[in-house]
């Protein structure tokens, strides 16, 4: 048997392999960071605290602020979440100051699953939503009324959306389809570790 036993991974199996590889990279990165700050208790404590945050938001992206643009009332904050993806959030000036947001600062972007609008990705989507995260549907679970749809982004991160079963049927969504997660900039909550 030159090519093995002839088994194929399911979409779920491929996703688990990707998750494992992502976790391996994160583990190596964390160990490297711990090695760099082990002699400085304050830095060590701050690094460890990053893993303590718990929230009800299904979508939590850790990223780095790349730009803050102040307008008359609100500020626009651009967060690089890795894998070639970024999120744009619109928050108040007071929140920017309170959180200490500036280029280079790490922050979390939190987005509740029902706030994410899904669209089939045909490359021609035009919408007023500032954020378009494009990927592949890797999981679709229908419930009594709503469905949970998980999209995997090219960089390995996932986005979870809750939409109606009728929407799933109207768009004929299925695992393996290309789809876009559309998120209004005002629906993104930013958080930082103290």
N, C-alpha and C. Protein backbone atom coordinates (compact mmCIF):
# COMPACT_ATOMS: atom_id res chain seq x y z
N UNK A 1 0.85 -1.18 0.00
CA UNK A 1 0.00 0.00 0.00
C UNK A 1 0.88 1.23 0.00
N UNK A 2 1.09 1.73 -1.17
CA UNK A 2 2.00 2.85 -1.37
C UNK A 2 1.46 4.14 -0.77
N UNK A 3 0.16 4.35 -0.80
CA UNK A 3 -0.43 5.63 -0.39
C UNK A 3 -1.22 5.51 0.91
N UNK A 4 -0.94 4.53 1.73
CA UNK A 4 -1.64 4.40 3.00
C UNK A 4 -2.93 3.61 2.85
N UNK A 5 -3.79 3.73 3.88
CA UNK A 5 -5.02 2.93 3.93
C UNK A 5 -6.17 3.48 3.13
N UNK A 6 -5.99 4.58 2.45
CA UNK A 6 -7.06 5.11 1.62
C UNK A 6 -8.13 5.87 2.38
N UNK A 7 -7.85 6.27 3.62
CA UNK A 7 -8.85 7.03 4.37
C UNK A 7 -8.72 8.51 4.04
N UNK A 8 -9.82 9.20 4.16
CA UNK A 8 -9.87 10.65 3.95
C UNK A 8 -10.39 11.31 5.21
N UNK A 9 -9.81 12.45 5.55
CA UNK A 9 -10.30 13.21 6.69
C UNK A 9 -11.62 13.89 6.32
N UNK A 10 -12.52 13.91 7.27
CA UNK A 10 -13.75 14.68 7.08
C UNK A 10 -13.43 16.16 7.25
N UNK A 11 -14.38 17.02 6.92
CA UNK A 11 -14.18 18.46 7.12
C UNK A 11 -13.90 18.73 8.60
N UNK A 12 -14.60 18.03 9.48
CA UNK A 12 -14.38 18.20 10.92
C UNK A 12 -12.96 17.76 11.29
N UNK A 13 -12.51 16.65 10.73
CA UNK A 13 -11.17 16.16 11.00
C UNK A 13 -10.10 17.13 10.54
N UNK A 14 -10.28 17.70 9.33
CA UNK A 14 -9.33 18.70 8.82
C UNK A 14 -9.31 19.91 9.73
N UNK A 15 -10.48 20.31 10.22
CA UNK A 15 -10.55 21.46 11.11
C UNK A 15 -9.82 21.17 12.42
N UNK A 16 -9.97 19.97 12.95
CA UNK A 16 -9.29 19.60 14.18
C UNK A 16 -7.77 19.61 13.99
N UNK A 17 -7.30 19.14 12.84
CA UNK A 17 -5.86 19.18 12.55
C UNK A 17 -5.38 20.63 12.51
N UNK A 18 -6.17 21.51 11.86
CA UNK A 18 -5.79 22.93 11.79
C UNK A 18 -5.79 23.56 13.18
N UNK A 19 -6.79 23.22 14.00
CA UNK A 19 -6.85 23.75 15.37
C UNK A 19 -5.63 23.28 16.15
N UNK A 20 -5.27 22.00 16.02
CA UNK A 20 -4.12 21.46 16.72
C UNK A 20 -2.84 22.19 16.29
N UNK A 21 -2.66 22.39 14.98
CA UNK A 21 -1.46 23.08 14.50
C UNK A 21 -1.43 24.52 15.02
N UNK A 22 -2.60 25.18 15.03
CA UNK A 22 -2.66 26.55 15.56
C UNK A 22 -2.29 26.56 17.04
N UNK A 23 -2.80 25.58 17.79
CA UNK A 23 -2.50 25.52 19.23
C UNK A 23 -1.01 25.24 19.45
N UNK A 24 -0.40 24.41 18.61
CA UNK A 24 1.04 24.16 18.73
C UNK A 24 1.83 25.45 18.56
N UNK A 25 1.47 26.25 17.54
CA UNK A 25 2.15 27.53 17.29
C UNK A 25 1.96 28.48 18.47
N UNK A 26 0.71 28.57 18.97
CA UNK A 26 0.43 29.45 20.11
C UNK A 26 1.21 28.99 21.35
N UNK A 27 1.26 27.69 21.58
CA UNK A 27 1.99 27.14 22.73
C UNK A 27 3.47 27.53 22.65
N UNK A 28 4.07 27.36 21.45
CA UNK A 28 5.48 27.72 21.28
C UNK A 28 5.69 29.21 21.49
N UNK A 29 4.75 30.05 20.99
CA UNK A 29 4.87 31.50 21.15
C UNK A 29 4.77 31.88 22.62
N UNK A 30 3.85 31.26 23.34
CA UNK A 30 3.66 31.57 24.77
C UNK A 30 4.89 31.16 25.57
N UNK A 31 5.42 29.98 25.29
CA UNK A 31 6.63 29.54 26.00
C UNK A 31 7.79 30.50 25.73
N UNK A 32 7.89 30.96 24.49
CA UNK A 32 8.94 31.92 24.15
C UNK A 32 8.77 33.21 24.95
N UNK A 33 7.53 33.71 25.01
CA UNK A 33 7.26 34.95 25.75
C UNK A 33 7.53 34.76 27.24
N UNK A 34 7.12 33.61 27.79
CA UNK A 34 7.36 33.34 29.21
C UNK A 34 8.86 33.31 29.50
N UNK A 35 9.63 32.73 28.58
CA UNK A 35 11.08 32.69 28.75
C UNK A 35 11.70 34.07 28.77
N UNK A 36 11.11 35.00 28.00
CA UNK A 36 11.65 36.36 27.92
C UNK A 36 11.33 37.19 29.15
N UNK A 37 10.21 36.88 29.82
CA UNK A 37 9.80 37.73 30.95
C UNK A 37 9.86 37.01 32.30
N UNK A 38 10.41 35.81 32.33
CA UNK A 38 10.40 35.01 33.57
C UNK A 38 11.10 35.73 34.73
N UNK A 39 12.08 36.55 34.44
CA UNK A 39 12.81 37.24 35.51
C UNK A 39 12.09 38.51 35.98
N UNK A 40 11.10 38.97 35.23
CA UNK A 40 10.37 40.19 35.58
C UNK A 40 8.96 39.78 36.00
N UNK A 41 8.70 39.74 37.32
CA UNK A 41 7.42 39.24 37.81
C UNK A 41 6.24 40.03 37.25
N UNK A 42 6.34 41.35 37.16
CA UNK A 42 5.22 42.16 36.68
C UNK A 42 4.86 41.80 35.24
N UNK A 43 5.86 41.69 34.38
CA UNK A 43 5.58 41.30 32.99
C UNK A 43 5.02 39.89 32.93
N UNK A 44 5.58 38.98 33.73
CA UNK A 44 5.11 37.60 33.78
C UNK A 44 3.64 37.54 34.20
N UNK A 45 3.30 38.31 35.26
CA UNK A 45 1.92 38.35 35.76
C UNK A 45 0.96 38.88 34.69
N UNK A 46 1.36 39.96 34.00
CA UNK A 46 0.51 40.52 32.95
C UNK A 46 0.28 39.52 31.81
N UNK A 47 1.32 38.79 31.44
CA UNK A 47 1.20 37.81 30.37
C UNK A 47 0.24 36.70 30.77
N UNK A 48 0.37 36.19 31.99
CA UNK A 48 -0.50 35.12 32.47
C UNK A 48 -1.95 35.59 32.57
N UNK A 49 -2.18 36.84 32.98
CA UNK A 49 -3.54 37.36 33.12
C UNK A 49 -4.30 37.41 31.80
N UNK A 50 -3.57 37.46 30.67
CA UNK A 50 -4.23 37.50 29.37
C UNK A 50 -5.10 36.27 29.14
N UNK A 51 -4.84 35.19 29.86
CA UNK A 51 -5.60 33.96 29.65
C UNK A 51 -6.76 33.81 30.62
N UNK A 52 -7.03 34.84 31.43
CA UNK A 52 -8.08 34.77 32.45
C UNK A 52 -9.44 35.30 31.99
N UNK A 53 -9.49 36.05 30.90
CA UNK A 53 -10.74 36.70 30.52
C UNK A 53 -11.79 35.68 30.09
N UNK A 54 -12.99 35.82 30.64
CA UNK A 54 -14.10 34.99 30.23
C UNK A 54 -15.25 35.92 29.84
N UNK A 55 -15.96 35.55 28.78
CA UNK A 55 -17.05 36.38 28.29
C UNK A 55 -18.07 35.49 27.60
N UNK A 56 -19.29 36.00 27.47
CA UNK A 56 -20.33 35.22 26.79
C UNK A 56 -20.26 35.38 25.27
N UNK A 57 -19.41 36.25 24.79
CA UNK A 57 -19.29 36.47 23.35
C UNK A 57 -18.66 35.26 22.68
N UNK A 58 -19.32 34.73 21.65
CA UNK A 58 -18.79 33.56 20.94
C UNK A 58 -17.55 33.89 20.14
N UNK A 59 -17.44 35.13 19.69
CA UNK A 59 -16.33 35.54 18.84
C UNK A 59 -15.39 36.45 19.60
N UNK A 60 -14.18 35.97 19.85
CA UNK A 60 -13.18 36.73 20.59
C UNK A 60 -11.88 36.68 19.80
N UNK A 61 -11.43 37.83 19.36
CA UNK A 61 -10.21 37.90 18.55
C UNK A 61 -9.18 38.75 19.27
N UNK A 62 -8.03 38.18 19.55
CA UNK A 62 -6.92 38.95 20.11
C UNK A 62 -6.13 39.52 18.94
N UNK A 63 -5.87 40.81 18.98
CA UNK A 63 -5.14 41.44 17.90
C UNK A 63 -4.32 42.62 18.39
N UNK A 64 -3.71 43.30 17.45
CA UNK A 64 -2.88 44.46 17.75
C UNK A 64 -3.45 45.68 17.04
N UNK A 65 -3.61 46.77 17.78
CA UNK A 65 -4.10 48.02 17.20
C UNK A 65 -3.05 48.52 16.19
N UNK A 66 -3.51 48.80 14.97
CA UNK A 66 -2.60 49.33 13.95
C UNK A 66 -2.85 50.81 13.69
N UNK A 67 -4.08 51.27 14.00
CA UNK A 67 -4.40 52.68 13.71
C UNK A 67 -5.58 53.13 14.55
N UNK A 68 -5.53 54.36 15.04
CA UNK A 68 -6.65 55.00 15.72
C UNK A 68 -6.90 56.33 15.03
N UNK A 69 -8.11 56.52 14.51
CA UNK A 69 -8.47 57.77 13.85
C UNK A 69 -9.59 58.43 14.64
N UNK A 70 -9.34 59.64 15.10
CA UNK A 70 -10.34 60.36 15.90
C UNK A 70 -11.23 61.22 15.01
N UNK A 71 -12.54 61.11 15.22
CA UNK A 71 -13.51 61.95 14.53
C UNK A 71 -14.11 62.92 15.52
N UNK A 72 -15.15 63.67 15.13
CA UNK A 72 -15.76 64.65 16.03
C UNK A 72 -16.36 64.03 17.30
N UNK A 73 -16.93 62.82 17.19
CA UNK A 73 -17.58 62.20 18.34
C UNK A 73 -16.92 60.87 18.71
N UNK A 74 -16.70 60.04 17.72
CA UNK A 74 -16.17 58.69 17.94
C UNK A 74 -14.78 58.54 17.34
N UNK A 75 -14.17 57.43 17.67
CA UNK A 75 -12.88 57.08 17.09
C UNK A 75 -13.02 55.76 16.34
N UNK A 76 -12.23 55.62 15.29
CA UNK A 76 -12.18 54.37 14.54
C UNK A 76 -10.87 53.68 14.91
N UNK A 77 -10.99 52.42 15.33
CA UNK A 77 -9.82 51.65 15.75
C UNK A 77 -9.68 50.44 14.83
N UNK A 78 -8.49 50.29 14.23
CA UNK A 78 -8.23 49.15 13.36
C UNK A 78 -7.37 48.16 14.12
N UNK A 79 -7.83 46.91 14.14
CA UNK A 79 -7.17 45.85 14.89
C UNK A 79 -6.74 44.75 13.94
N UNK A 80 -5.45 44.45 13.90
CA UNK A 80 -4.93 43.34 13.09
C UNK A 80 -5.11 42.07 13.90
N UNK A 81 -5.95 41.14 13.39
CA UNK A 81 -6.22 39.90 14.13
C UNK A 81 -5.43 38.72 13.57
N UNK A 82 -4.50 39.00 12.67
CA UNK A 82 -3.65 37.94 12.13
C UNK A 82 -4.27 37.25 10.93
N UNK A 83 -3.45 36.49 10.24
CA UNK A 83 -3.93 35.74 9.07
C UNK A 83 -4.34 36.63 7.91
N UNK A 84 -3.88 37.89 7.93
CA UNK A 84 -4.26 38.82 6.87
C UNK A 84 -5.61 39.49 7.09
N UNK A 85 -6.23 39.26 8.24
CA UNK A 85 -7.53 39.85 8.54
C UNK A 85 -7.41 40.98 9.55
N UNK A 86 -8.29 41.95 9.43
CA UNK A 86 -8.36 43.03 10.40
C UNK A 86 -9.82 43.35 10.68
N UNK A 87 -10.05 43.95 11.82
CA UNK A 87 -11.38 44.40 12.20
C UNK A 87 -11.33 45.89 12.49
N UNK A 88 -12.39 46.58 12.10
CA UNK A 88 -12.52 48.01 12.36
C UNK A 88 -13.65 48.20 13.35
N UNK A 89 -13.36 48.88 14.46
CA UNK A 89 -14.37 49.16 15.48
C UNK A 89 -14.54 50.66 15.60
N UNK A 90 -15.77 51.08 15.86
CA UNK A 90 -16.06 52.49 16.14
C UNK A 90 -16.51 52.57 17.58
N UNK A 91 -15.73 53.31 18.39
CA UNK A 91 -16.03 53.47 19.81
C UNK A 91 -15.85 54.94 20.19
N UNK A 92 -16.26 55.31 21.38
CA UNK A 92 -16.15 56.71 21.80
C UNK A 92 -14.71 57.08 22.11
N UNK A 93 -14.43 58.41 22.07
CA UNK A 93 -13.10 58.91 22.45
C UNK A 93 -12.77 58.50 23.88
N UNK A 94 -13.78 58.60 24.77
CA UNK A 94 -13.55 58.24 26.18
C UNK A 94 -13.09 56.79 26.31
N UNK A 95 -13.69 55.90 25.50
CA UNK A 95 -13.30 54.49 25.56
C UNK A 95 -11.87 54.29 25.07
N UNK A 96 -11.49 55.01 24.02
CA UNK A 96 -10.12 54.92 23.51
C UNK A 96 -9.14 55.32 24.61
N UNK A 97 -9.43 56.44 25.29
CA UNK A 97 -8.55 56.92 26.35
C UNK A 97 -8.55 55.97 27.56
N UNK A 98 -9.75 55.52 27.95
CA UNK A 98 -9.88 54.63 29.11
C UNK A 98 -9.12 53.32 28.90
N UNK A 99 -9.18 52.77 27.68
CA UNK A 99 -8.52 51.50 27.37
C UNK A 99 -7.05 51.68 27.02
N UNK A 100 -6.63 52.94 26.80
CA UNK A 100 -5.25 53.19 26.42
C UNK A 100 -4.92 52.68 25.02
N UNK A 101 -5.88 52.76 24.11
CA UNK A 101 -5.69 52.22 22.77
C UNK A 101 -4.81 53.13 21.93
N UNK A 102 -3.80 52.54 21.32
CA UNK A 102 -2.86 53.24 20.45
C UNK A 102 -2.17 52.18 19.60
N UNK A 103 -1.58 52.56 18.49
CA UNK A 103 -0.88 51.56 17.68
C UNK A 103 0.13 50.76 18.51
N UNK A 104 0.09 49.44 18.31
CA UNK A 104 0.97 48.55 19.04
C UNK A 104 0.36 47.91 20.27
N UNK A 105 -0.76 48.45 20.76
CA UNK A 105 -1.43 47.91 21.95
C UNK A 105 -2.22 46.67 21.56
N UNK A 106 -2.14 45.63 22.38
CA UNK A 106 -2.95 44.44 22.14
C UNK A 106 -4.33 44.62 22.74
N UNK A 107 -5.35 44.17 22.00
CA UNK A 107 -6.73 44.30 22.46
C UNK A 107 -7.54 43.12 21.94
N UNK A 108 -8.65 42.87 22.60
CA UNK A 108 -9.59 41.85 22.16
C UNK A 108 -10.76 42.52 21.44
N UNK A 109 -11.20 41.91 20.35
CA UNK A 109 -12.43 42.33 19.68
C UNK A 109 -13.47 41.26 20.00
N UNK A 110 -14.58 41.68 20.57
CA UNK A 110 -15.66 40.77 20.95
C UNK A 110 -16.89 41.06 20.08
N UNK A 111 -17.45 39.99 19.51
CA UNK A 111 -18.64 40.16 18.66
C UNK A 111 -19.61 39.03 18.97
N UNK A 112 -20.81 39.37 19.41
CA UNK A 112 -21.81 38.35 19.68
C UNK A 112 -22.24 37.70 18.37
N UNK A 113 -22.48 36.40 18.41
CA UNK A 113 -22.82 35.63 17.21
C UNK A 113 -24.06 36.15 16.48
N UNK A 114 -25.13 36.59 17.18
CA UNK A 114 -26.30 37.09 16.45
C UNK A 114 -26.06 38.41 15.72
N UNK A 115 -24.96 39.12 16.04
CA UNK A 115 -24.66 40.39 15.38
C UNK A 115 -23.98 40.20 14.04
N UNK A 116 -23.62 38.97 13.71
CA UNK A 116 -22.89 38.71 12.47
C UNK A 116 -23.86 38.29 11.38
N UNK A 117 -23.84 39.05 10.30
CA UNK A 117 -24.69 38.77 9.13
C UNK A 117 -23.87 37.93 8.17
N UNK A 118 -24.47 36.87 7.64
CA UNK A 118 -23.76 36.02 6.68
C UNK A 118 -24.24 36.29 5.26
N UNK A 119 -23.31 36.13 4.34
CA UNK A 119 -23.63 36.24 2.91
C UNK A 119 -22.80 35.21 2.17
N UNK A 120 -23.39 34.64 1.12
CA UNK A 120 -22.61 33.76 0.26
C UNK A 120 -21.58 34.61 -0.44
N UNK A 121 -20.35 34.13 -0.49
CA UNK A 121 -19.26 34.94 -1.03
C UNK A 121 -19.08 34.68 -2.52
N UNK A 122 -19.56 35.64 -3.31
CA UNK A 122 -19.37 35.54 -4.77
C UNK A 122 -18.36 36.57 -5.26
N UNK A 123 -17.71 37.27 -4.31
CA UNK A 123 -16.70 38.27 -4.67
C UNK A 123 -17.30 39.60 -5.09
N UNK A 124 -18.63 39.73 -5.07
CA UNK A 124 -19.28 40.97 -5.52
C UNK A 124 -20.14 41.59 -4.43
N UNK A 125 -19.89 41.24 -3.20
CA UNK A 125 -20.72 41.73 -2.11
C UNK A 125 -20.48 43.22 -1.89
N UNK A 126 -21.57 43.99 -1.87
CA UNK A 126 -21.50 45.41 -1.53
C UNK A 126 -22.47 45.64 -0.39
N UNK A 127 -21.95 46.19 0.69
CA UNK A 127 -22.76 46.40 1.88
C UNK A 127 -22.19 47.56 2.67
N UNK A 128 -22.98 48.09 3.59
CA UNK A 128 -22.48 49.18 4.43
C UNK A 128 -21.68 48.67 5.62
N UNK A 129 -21.69 47.36 5.85
CA UNK A 129 -20.91 46.80 6.96
C UNK A 129 -19.43 47.01 6.69
N UNK A 130 -18.73 47.55 7.66
CA UNK A 130 -17.32 47.90 7.48
C UNK A 130 -16.41 46.67 7.44
N UNK A 131 -16.82 45.60 8.12
CA UNK A 131 -15.96 44.42 8.25
C UNK A 131 -16.51 43.26 7.44
N UNK A 132 -15.65 42.70 6.59
CA UNK A 132 -15.98 41.52 5.78
C UNK A 132 -14.91 40.48 6.06
N UNK A 133 -15.26 39.42 6.76
CA UNK A 133 -14.32 38.32 7.00
C UNK A 133 -14.74 37.17 6.10
N UNK A 134 -13.88 36.81 5.16
CA UNK A 134 -14.22 35.78 4.18
C UNK A 134 -13.57 34.45 4.55
N UNK A 135 -14.35 33.38 4.37
CA UNK A 135 -13.82 32.07 4.68
C UNK A 135 -14.71 30.96 4.15
N UNK A 136 -14.58 29.79 4.78
CA UNK A 136 -15.31 28.59 4.35
C UNK A 136 -16.14 28.08 5.51
N UNK A 137 -17.38 27.71 5.23
CA UNK A 137 -18.24 27.15 6.27
C UNK A 137 -17.71 25.76 6.64
N UNK A 138 -17.38 25.58 7.93
CA UNK A 138 -16.86 24.29 8.39
C UNK A 138 -17.84 23.56 9.30
N UNK A 139 -18.86 24.27 9.77
CA UNK A 139 -19.87 23.64 10.62
C UNK A 139 -21.19 24.37 10.45
N UNK A 140 -22.28 23.61 10.41
CA UNK A 140 -23.62 24.19 10.30
C UNK A 140 -24.56 23.29 11.10
N UNK A 141 -25.05 23.82 12.23
CA UNK A 141 -25.93 23.06 13.11
C UNK A 141 -27.28 23.76 13.19
N UNK A 142 -28.32 23.12 12.66
CA UNK A 142 -29.66 23.72 12.74
C UNK A 142 -30.33 23.30 14.04
N UNK A 143 -31.01 24.28 14.66
CA UNK A 143 -31.79 24.02 15.86
C UNK A 143 -33.27 24.11 15.53
N UNK A 144 -34.09 24.36 16.54
CA UNK A 144 -35.54 24.45 16.33
C UNK A 144 -35.90 25.68 15.50
N UNK A 145 -35.23 26.81 15.73
CA UNK A 145 -35.52 28.06 15.03
C UNK A 145 -34.28 28.61 14.33
N UNK A 146 -33.16 28.59 15.03
CA UNK A 146 -31.93 29.18 14.53
C UNK A 146 -30.87 28.14 14.22
N UNK A 147 -29.88 28.58 13.47
CA UNK A 147 -28.75 27.71 13.14
C UNK A 147 -27.46 28.39 13.57
N UNK A 148 -26.49 27.58 13.97
CA UNK A 148 -25.15 28.07 14.27
C UNK A 148 -24.27 27.74 13.07
N UNK A 149 -23.66 28.76 12.50
CA UNK A 149 -22.80 28.58 11.33
C UNK A 149 -21.40 29.05 11.71
N UNK A 150 -20.41 28.18 11.49
CA UNK A 150 -19.02 28.52 11.80
C UNK A 150 -18.25 28.62 10.49
N UNK A 151 -17.58 29.76 10.32
CA UNK A 151 -16.76 30.01 9.13
C UNK A 151 -15.30 30.00 9.56
N UNK A 152 -14.49 29.26 8.83
CA UNK A 152 -13.05 29.26 9.09
C UNK A 152 -12.38 30.24 8.15
N UNK A 153 -11.59 31.16 8.71
CA UNK A 153 -10.87 32.15 7.93
C UNK A 153 -9.58 31.55 7.40
N UNK A 154 -9.00 32.13 6.35
CA UNK A 154 -7.76 31.58 5.78
C UNK A 154 -6.63 31.41 6.80
N UNK A 155 -6.56 32.27 7.80
CA UNK A 155 -5.51 32.19 8.81
C UNK A 155 -5.76 31.16 9.90
N UNK A 156 -6.92 30.46 9.86
CA UNK A 156 -7.23 29.42 10.84
C UNK A 156 -8.20 29.83 11.93
N UNK A 157 -8.46 31.14 12.08
CA UNK A 157 -9.44 31.58 13.08
C UNK A 157 -10.85 31.25 12.58
N UNK A 158 -11.80 31.20 13.51
CA UNK A 158 -13.18 30.93 13.13
C UNK A 158 -14.09 32.07 13.58
N UNK A 159 -15.20 32.20 12.87
CA UNK A 159 -16.24 33.19 13.18
C UNK A 159 -17.54 32.41 13.32
N UNK A 160 -18.26 32.63 14.41
CA UNK A 160 -19.53 31.95 14.63
C UNK A 160 -20.68 32.94 14.48
N UNK A 161 -21.68 32.54 13.71
CA UNK A 161 -22.87 33.37 13.51
C UNK A 161 -24.11 32.56 13.85
N UNK A 162 -25.11 33.23 14.40
CA UNK A 162 -26.41 32.61 14.65
C UNK A 162 -27.40 33.27 13.70
N UNK A 163 -27.98 32.47 12.80
CA UNK A 163 -28.97 32.98 11.84
C UNK A 163 -30.18 32.04 11.86
N UNK A 164 -31.27 32.47 11.25
CA UNK A 164 -32.46 31.63 11.25
C UNK A 164 -32.28 30.44 10.31
N UNK A 165 -33.01 29.37 10.60
CA UNK A 165 -33.02 28.21 9.70
C UNK A 165 -33.54 28.61 8.32
N UNK A 166 -34.51 29.54 8.30
CA UNK A 166 -35.04 30.02 7.01
C UNK A 166 -33.93 30.65 6.18
N UNK A 167 -33.04 31.41 6.82
CA UNK A 167 -31.93 32.03 6.10
C UNK A 167 -30.98 30.99 5.54
N UNK A 168 -30.72 29.95 6.33
CA UNK A 168 -29.85 28.85 5.86
C UNK A 168 -30.45 28.24 4.60
N UNK A 169 -31.76 28.00 4.64
CA UNK A 169 -32.43 27.37 3.49
C UNK A 169 -32.52 28.32 2.30
N UNK A 170 -32.84 29.59 2.56
CA UNK A 170 -32.95 30.57 1.46
C UNK A 170 -31.62 30.73 0.72
N UNK A 171 -30.51 30.74 1.48
CA UNK A 171 -29.19 30.91 0.86
C UNK A 171 -28.58 29.58 0.43
N UNK A 172 -29.27 28.47 0.78
CA UNK A 172 -28.78 27.13 0.46
C UNK A 172 -27.37 26.92 0.98
N UNK A 173 -27.16 27.32 2.23
CA UNK A 173 -25.84 27.19 2.84
C UNK A 173 -25.54 25.74 3.19
N UNK A 174 -24.28 25.36 3.01
CA UNK A 174 -23.84 24.03 3.40
C UNK A 174 -22.36 24.06 3.73
N UNK A 175 -21.90 23.07 4.46
CA UNK A 175 -20.48 22.96 4.80
C UNK A 175 -19.67 22.90 3.51
N UNK A 176 -18.60 23.68 3.48
CA UNK A 176 -17.74 23.74 2.29
C UNK A 176 -17.98 24.97 1.44
N UNK A 177 -19.13 25.65 1.65
CA UNK A 177 -19.42 26.86 0.88
C UNK A 177 -18.51 28.00 1.32
N UNK A 178 -18.15 28.86 0.39
CA UNK A 178 -17.46 30.11 0.71
C UNK A 178 -18.52 31.09 1.22
N UNK A 179 -18.18 31.81 2.28
CA UNK A 179 -19.14 32.75 2.87
C UNK A 179 -18.40 33.93 3.48
N UNK A 180 -19.13 35.01 3.66
CA UNK A 180 -18.58 36.20 4.30
C UNK A 180 -19.36 36.49 5.58
N UNK A 181 -18.61 36.83 6.62
CA UNK A 181 -19.20 37.31 7.87
C UNK A 181 -19.12 38.83 7.83
N UNK A 182 -20.27 39.48 7.86
CA UNK A 182 -20.35 40.93 7.78
C UNK A 182 -20.64 41.48 9.18
N UNK A 183 -19.80 42.42 9.61
CA UNK A 183 -19.91 42.94 10.97
C UNK A 183 -19.84 44.46 10.93
N UNK A 184 -20.86 45.11 11.47
CA UNK A 184 -20.82 46.57 11.57
C UNK A 184 -19.75 46.98 12.57
N UNK A 185 -19.06 48.06 12.27
CA UNK A 185 -17.99 48.55 13.14
C UNK A 185 -18.52 48.89 14.54
N UNK A 186 -19.78 49.31 14.61
CA UNK A 186 -20.37 49.67 15.91
C UNK A 186 -20.77 48.45 16.72
N UNK A 187 -20.73 47.24 16.13
CA UNK A 187 -21.07 46.01 16.85
C UNK A 187 -19.85 45.32 17.45
N UNK A 188 -18.70 45.93 17.32
CA UNK A 188 -17.48 45.33 17.88
C UNK A 188 -17.16 46.00 19.21
N UNK A 189 -17.02 45.18 20.24
CA UNK A 189 -16.65 45.66 21.56
C UNK A 189 -15.15 45.40 21.73
N UNK A 190 -14.41 46.40 22.14
CA UNK A 190 -12.98 46.24 22.37
C UNK A 190 -12.70 46.11 23.86
N UNK A 191 -11.71 45.27 24.19
CA UNK A 191 -11.33 45.06 25.58
C UNK A 191 -9.82 44.90 25.64
N UNK A 192 -9.25 45.28 26.78
CA UNK A 192 -7.82 45.08 26.99
C UNK A 192 -7.63 44.40 28.34
N UNK A 193 -6.50 43.71 28.50
CA UNK A 193 -6.15 43.13 29.80
C UNK A 193 -5.49 44.20 30.64
N UNK A 194 -5.81 44.21 31.93
CA UNK A 194 -5.19 45.17 32.85
C UNK A 194 -3.79 44.75 33.21
